[in-house]
N, C-alpha and C. Protein backbone atom coordinates (compact mmCIF):
# COMPACT_ATOMS: atom_id res chain seq x y z
N MET A 1 -13.91 -159.02 128.81
CA MET A 1 -14.76 -158.79 129.96
C MET A 1 -15.46 -160.10 130.32
N THR A 2 -15.47 -160.41 131.61
CA THR A 2 -16.16 -161.61 132.05
C THR A 2 -17.66 -161.34 132.15
N ILE A 3 -18.42 -162.40 132.25
CA ILE A 3 -19.87 -162.26 132.39
C ILE A 3 -20.21 -161.53 133.69
N GLN A 4 -19.46 -161.81 134.76
CA GLN A 4 -19.73 -161.13 136.03
C GLN A 4 -19.42 -159.64 135.94
N GLU A 5 -18.36 -159.28 135.26
CA GLU A 5 -18.05 -157.86 135.06
C GLU A 5 -19.16 -157.18 134.25
N TYR A 6 -19.65 -157.89 133.24
CA TYR A 6 -20.75 -157.36 132.42
C TYR A 6 -22.00 -157.12 133.27
N ILE A 7 -22.33 -158.09 134.10
CA ILE A 7 -23.50 -157.96 134.98
C ILE A 7 -23.32 -156.79 135.94
N ASP A 8 -22.14 -156.68 136.52
CA ASP A 8 -21.87 -155.59 137.46
C ASP A 8 -21.96 -154.23 136.77
N GLN A 9 -21.42 -154.13 135.58
CA GLN A 9 -21.47 -152.87 134.85
C GLN A 9 -22.89 -152.52 134.41
N ALA A 10 -23.66 -153.54 134.06
CA ALA A 10 -25.06 -153.30 133.70
C ALA A 10 -25.82 -152.76 134.91
N GLN A 11 -25.56 -153.32 136.09
CA GLN A 11 -26.22 -152.83 137.30
C GLN A 11 -25.84 -151.38 137.56
N GLN A 12 -24.59 -151.03 137.32
CA GLN A 12 -24.16 -149.64 137.48
C GLN A 12 -24.88 -148.74 136.47
N PHE A 13 -25.06 -149.23 135.26
CA PHE A 13 -25.81 -148.49 134.23
C PHE A 13 -27.22 -148.20 134.73
N PHE A 14 -27.88 -149.22 135.26
CA PHE A 14 -29.25 -149.05 135.75
C PHE A 14 -29.29 -148.05 136.91
N GLU A 15 -28.33 -148.13 137.81
CA GLU A 15 -28.27 -147.20 138.94
C GLU A 15 -28.03 -145.77 138.45
N HIS A 16 -27.19 -145.61 137.44
CA HIS A 16 -26.89 -144.29 136.90
C HIS A 16 -28.13 -143.67 136.25
N LEU A 17 -28.99 -144.50 135.68
CA LEU A 17 -30.22 -143.98 135.07
C LEU A 17 -31.07 -143.23 136.08
N VAL A 18 -31.07 -143.70 137.32
CA VAL A 18 -31.89 -143.06 138.36
C VAL A 18 -31.50 -141.60 138.51
N GLU A 19 -30.22 -141.31 138.33
CA GLU A 19 -29.71 -139.95 138.51
C GLU A 19 -29.85 -139.08 137.27
N THR A 20 -29.89 -139.68 136.09
CA THR A 20 -29.76 -138.90 134.86
C THR A 20 -30.90 -139.04 133.86
N ALA A 21 -31.72 -140.03 134.00
CA ALA A 21 -32.69 -140.36 132.95
C ALA A 21 -33.98 -139.55 133.07
N SER A 22 -34.64 -139.41 131.93
CA SER A 22 -36.00 -138.85 131.92
C SER A 22 -36.94 -139.89 132.52
N ASP A 23 -38.17 -139.50 132.78
CA ASP A 23 -39.15 -140.44 133.33
C ASP A 23 -39.34 -141.64 132.39
N ASP A 24 -39.41 -141.38 131.10
CA ASP A 24 -39.58 -142.47 130.13
C ASP A 24 -38.38 -143.41 130.12
N GLU A 25 -37.19 -142.84 130.17
CA GLU A 25 -35.97 -143.66 130.19
C GLU A 25 -35.87 -144.44 131.50
N LEU A 26 -36.28 -143.83 132.58
CA LEU A 26 -36.25 -144.50 133.87
C LEU A 26 -37.20 -145.69 133.88
N PHE A 27 -38.40 -145.49 133.33
CA PHE A 27 -39.35 -146.60 133.21
C PHE A 27 -38.74 -147.72 132.37
N ALA A 28 -38.20 -147.35 131.21
CA ALA A 28 -37.63 -148.35 130.30
C ALA A 28 -36.47 -149.08 130.97
N GLY A 29 -35.62 -148.34 131.65
CA GLY A 29 -34.48 -148.95 132.33
C GLY A 29 -34.91 -149.94 133.40
N SER A 30 -35.92 -149.56 134.19
CA SER A 30 -36.38 -150.48 135.23
C SER A 30 -37.07 -151.70 134.62
N TYR A 31 -37.74 -151.49 133.51
CA TYR A 31 -38.39 -152.62 132.82
C TYR A 31 -37.33 -153.59 132.30
N ILE A 32 -36.30 -153.05 131.68
CA ILE A 32 -35.20 -153.88 131.17
C ILE A 32 -34.49 -154.57 132.32
N GLN A 33 -34.26 -153.84 133.41
CA GLN A 33 -33.57 -154.42 134.55
C GLN A 33 -34.31 -155.65 135.08
N GLY A 34 -35.62 -155.59 135.07
CA GLY A 34 -36.40 -156.76 135.49
C GLY A 34 -36.13 -157.96 134.61
N HIS A 35 -36.11 -157.75 133.31
CA HIS A 35 -35.83 -158.85 132.38
C HIS A 35 -34.37 -159.31 132.51
N PHE A 36 -33.48 -158.35 132.71
CA PHE A 36 -32.05 -158.65 132.88
C PHE A 36 -31.84 -159.51 134.13
N ASP A 37 -32.40 -159.06 135.26
CA ASP A 37 -32.24 -159.79 136.51
C ASP A 37 -32.86 -161.18 136.43
N LEU A 38 -33.97 -161.29 135.75
CA LEU A 38 -34.61 -162.60 135.58
C LEU A 38 -33.72 -163.54 134.77
N ALA A 39 -33.13 -163.05 133.69
CA ALA A 39 -32.24 -163.88 132.87
C ALA A 39 -31.00 -164.30 133.64
N VAL A 40 -30.43 -163.37 134.40
CA VAL A 40 -29.24 -163.68 135.21
C VAL A 40 -29.60 -164.69 136.30
N GLY A 41 -30.71 -164.45 136.97
CA GLY A 41 -31.14 -165.36 138.03
C GLY A 41 -31.41 -166.76 137.52
N TYR A 42 -32.06 -166.86 136.38
CA TYR A 42 -32.34 -168.17 135.78
C TYR A 42 -31.03 -168.90 135.46
N ALA A 43 -30.07 -168.17 134.89
CA ALA A 43 -28.79 -168.78 134.55
C ALA A 43 -28.08 -169.27 135.81
N GLU A 44 -28.17 -168.50 136.89
CA GLU A 44 -27.52 -168.91 138.14
C GLU A 44 -28.20 -170.14 138.73
N VAL A 45 -29.52 -170.16 138.76
CA VAL A 45 -30.24 -171.30 139.32
C VAL A 45 -29.98 -172.57 138.51
N GLU A 46 -29.91 -172.43 137.20
CA GLU A 46 -29.68 -173.58 136.33
C GLU A 46 -28.20 -173.89 136.16
N ALA A 47 -27.33 -173.09 136.81
CA ALA A 47 -25.88 -173.26 136.73
C ALA A 47 -25.39 -173.22 135.27
N LEU A 48 -25.98 -172.30 134.50
CA LEU A 48 -25.57 -172.14 133.11
C LEU A 48 -24.39 -171.20 133.03
N GLU A 49 -23.42 -171.54 132.23
CA GLU A 49 -22.28 -170.66 132.01
C GLU A 49 -22.49 -169.97 130.67
N LEU A 50 -23.16 -168.84 130.71
CA LEU A 50 -23.51 -168.12 129.50
C LEU A 50 -22.42 -167.13 129.12
N SER A 51 -22.30 -166.91 127.83
CA SER A 51 -21.48 -165.81 127.35
C SER A 51 -22.32 -164.54 127.43
N ILE A 52 -21.68 -163.42 127.25
CA ILE A 52 -22.40 -162.15 127.23
C ILE A 52 -23.43 -162.15 126.09
N ASP A 53 -23.03 -162.64 124.94
CA ASP A 53 -23.95 -162.69 123.80
C ASP A 53 -25.15 -163.59 124.09
N GLU A 54 -24.91 -164.71 124.75
CA GLU A 54 -26.01 -165.62 125.09
C GLU A 54 -26.95 -164.97 126.11
N LEU A 55 -26.38 -164.28 127.09
CA LEU A 55 -27.21 -163.58 128.08
C LEU A 55 -28.06 -162.52 127.38
N ASN A 56 -27.43 -161.73 126.52
CA ASN A 56 -28.18 -160.71 125.79
C ASN A 56 -29.28 -161.32 124.94
N ALA A 57 -28.99 -162.43 124.29
CA ALA A 57 -30.00 -163.10 123.47
C ALA A 57 -31.17 -163.56 124.33
N ASN A 58 -30.90 -164.07 125.52
CA ASN A 58 -31.98 -164.50 126.42
C ASN A 58 -32.83 -163.31 126.86
N ILE A 59 -32.18 -162.20 127.14
CA ILE A 59 -32.90 -160.99 127.54
C ILE A 59 -33.77 -160.51 126.38
N GLU A 60 -33.20 -160.49 125.19
CA GLU A 60 -33.97 -160.04 124.03
C GLU A 60 -35.15 -160.95 123.74
N LYS A 61 -34.98 -162.25 123.92
CA LYS A 61 -36.11 -163.17 123.75
C LYS A 61 -37.22 -162.86 124.74
N SER A 62 -36.83 -162.56 125.97
CA SER A 62 -37.79 -162.22 127.00
C SER A 62 -38.52 -160.93 126.67
N LEU A 63 -37.78 -159.93 126.18
CA LEU A 63 -38.40 -158.66 125.81
C LEU A 63 -39.35 -158.85 124.64
N VAL A 64 -38.95 -159.60 123.63
CA VAL A 64 -39.81 -159.84 122.46
C VAL A 64 -41.09 -160.55 122.89
N LYS A 65 -40.97 -161.51 123.77
CA LYS A 65 -42.15 -162.22 124.27
C LYS A 65 -43.10 -161.24 124.96
N ALA A 66 -42.53 -160.33 125.75
CA ALA A 66 -43.35 -159.32 126.43
C ALA A 66 -44.03 -158.41 125.42
N TYR A 67 -43.30 -158.01 124.38
CA TYR A 67 -43.90 -157.16 123.34
C TYR A 67 -45.08 -157.88 122.69
N ARG A 68 -44.86 -159.14 122.35
CA ARG A 68 -45.91 -159.91 121.68
C ARG A 68 -47.13 -160.13 122.56
N ASN A 69 -46.90 -160.16 123.88
CA ASN A 69 -48.00 -160.33 124.82
C ASN A 69 -48.71 -159.02 125.11
N GLY A 70 -48.27 -157.95 124.45
CA GLY A 70 -48.93 -156.66 124.61
C GLY A 70 -48.68 -155.98 125.95
N GLU A 71 -47.54 -156.28 126.58
CA GLU A 71 -47.25 -155.71 127.89
C GLU A 71 -46.92 -154.21 127.83
N LEU A 72 -46.53 -153.72 126.67
CA LEU A 72 -46.12 -152.32 126.54
C LEU A 72 -46.87 -151.64 125.41
N SER A 73 -47.08 -150.35 125.58
CA SER A 73 -47.60 -149.56 124.47
C SER A 73 -46.49 -149.40 123.44
N ASP A 74 -46.84 -148.96 122.25
CA ASP A 74 -45.82 -148.75 121.22
C ASP A 74 -44.79 -147.72 121.66
N GLU A 75 -45.26 -146.68 122.33
CA GLU A 75 -44.34 -145.64 122.81
C GLU A 75 -43.39 -146.18 123.87
N ASP A 76 -43.91 -146.95 124.82
CA ASP A 76 -43.05 -147.54 125.85
C ASP A 76 -42.06 -148.53 125.24
N LYS A 77 -42.54 -149.30 124.26
CA LYS A 77 -41.66 -150.24 123.57
C LYS A 77 -40.50 -149.49 122.92
N MET A 78 -40.78 -148.36 122.30
CA MET A 78 -39.74 -147.57 121.67
C MET A 78 -38.69 -147.14 122.70
N HIS A 79 -39.14 -146.71 123.87
CA HIS A 79 -38.20 -146.30 124.92
C HIS A 79 -37.37 -147.49 125.41
N VAL A 80 -38.00 -148.64 125.55
CA VAL A 80 -37.28 -149.84 126.00
C VAL A 80 -36.22 -150.21 124.98
N VAL A 81 -36.57 -150.23 123.71
CA VAL A 81 -35.60 -150.57 122.67
C VAL A 81 -34.43 -149.58 122.68
N THR A 82 -34.72 -148.31 122.82
CA THR A 82 -33.68 -147.28 122.83
C THR A 82 -32.72 -147.47 124.00
N VAL A 83 -33.26 -147.68 125.19
CA VAL A 83 -32.40 -147.85 126.37
C VAL A 83 -31.63 -149.16 126.28
N TRP A 84 -32.25 -150.22 125.79
CA TRP A 84 -31.56 -151.51 125.63
C TRP A 84 -30.37 -151.36 124.68
N GLU A 85 -30.58 -150.70 123.57
CA GLU A 85 -29.47 -150.48 122.62
C GLU A 85 -28.38 -149.63 123.24
N LYS A 86 -28.76 -148.63 124.00
CA LYS A 86 -27.79 -147.78 124.68
C LYS A 86 -26.97 -148.59 125.68
N LEU A 87 -27.62 -149.44 126.43
CA LEU A 87 -26.93 -150.30 127.39
C LEU A 87 -25.90 -151.17 126.69
N LYS A 88 -26.29 -151.79 125.59
CA LYS A 88 -25.36 -152.68 124.88
C LYS A 88 -24.18 -151.90 124.32
N LYS A 89 -24.40 -150.67 123.87
CA LYS A 89 -23.30 -149.85 123.33
C LYS A 89 -22.32 -149.44 124.43
N VAL A 90 -22.86 -149.06 125.58
CA VAL A 90 -22.03 -148.59 126.68
C VAL A 90 -21.16 -149.71 127.22
N LEU A 91 -21.68 -150.90 127.25
CA LEU A 91 -20.93 -152.02 127.79
C LEU A 91 -20.17 -152.71 126.69
């Protein structure tokens, strides 16, 4: 799978959440999507050719930084981690 295919499939995953997810999952999905889009956008602006693993690592670094900055409650963090792991399994 190419990085562009991965990005496209991730966007489809996020769109599918709108139709099927609980409120908590929907919040987590939109939160992750923000970090995902930021990582993709940064790579595009910097003309970085990232692998899927490198993109995921950048997203995870961003999420960990947000956790450490206290952006999420423990419960919200749990939902974000669950949806993030689900996304990686599906793709």
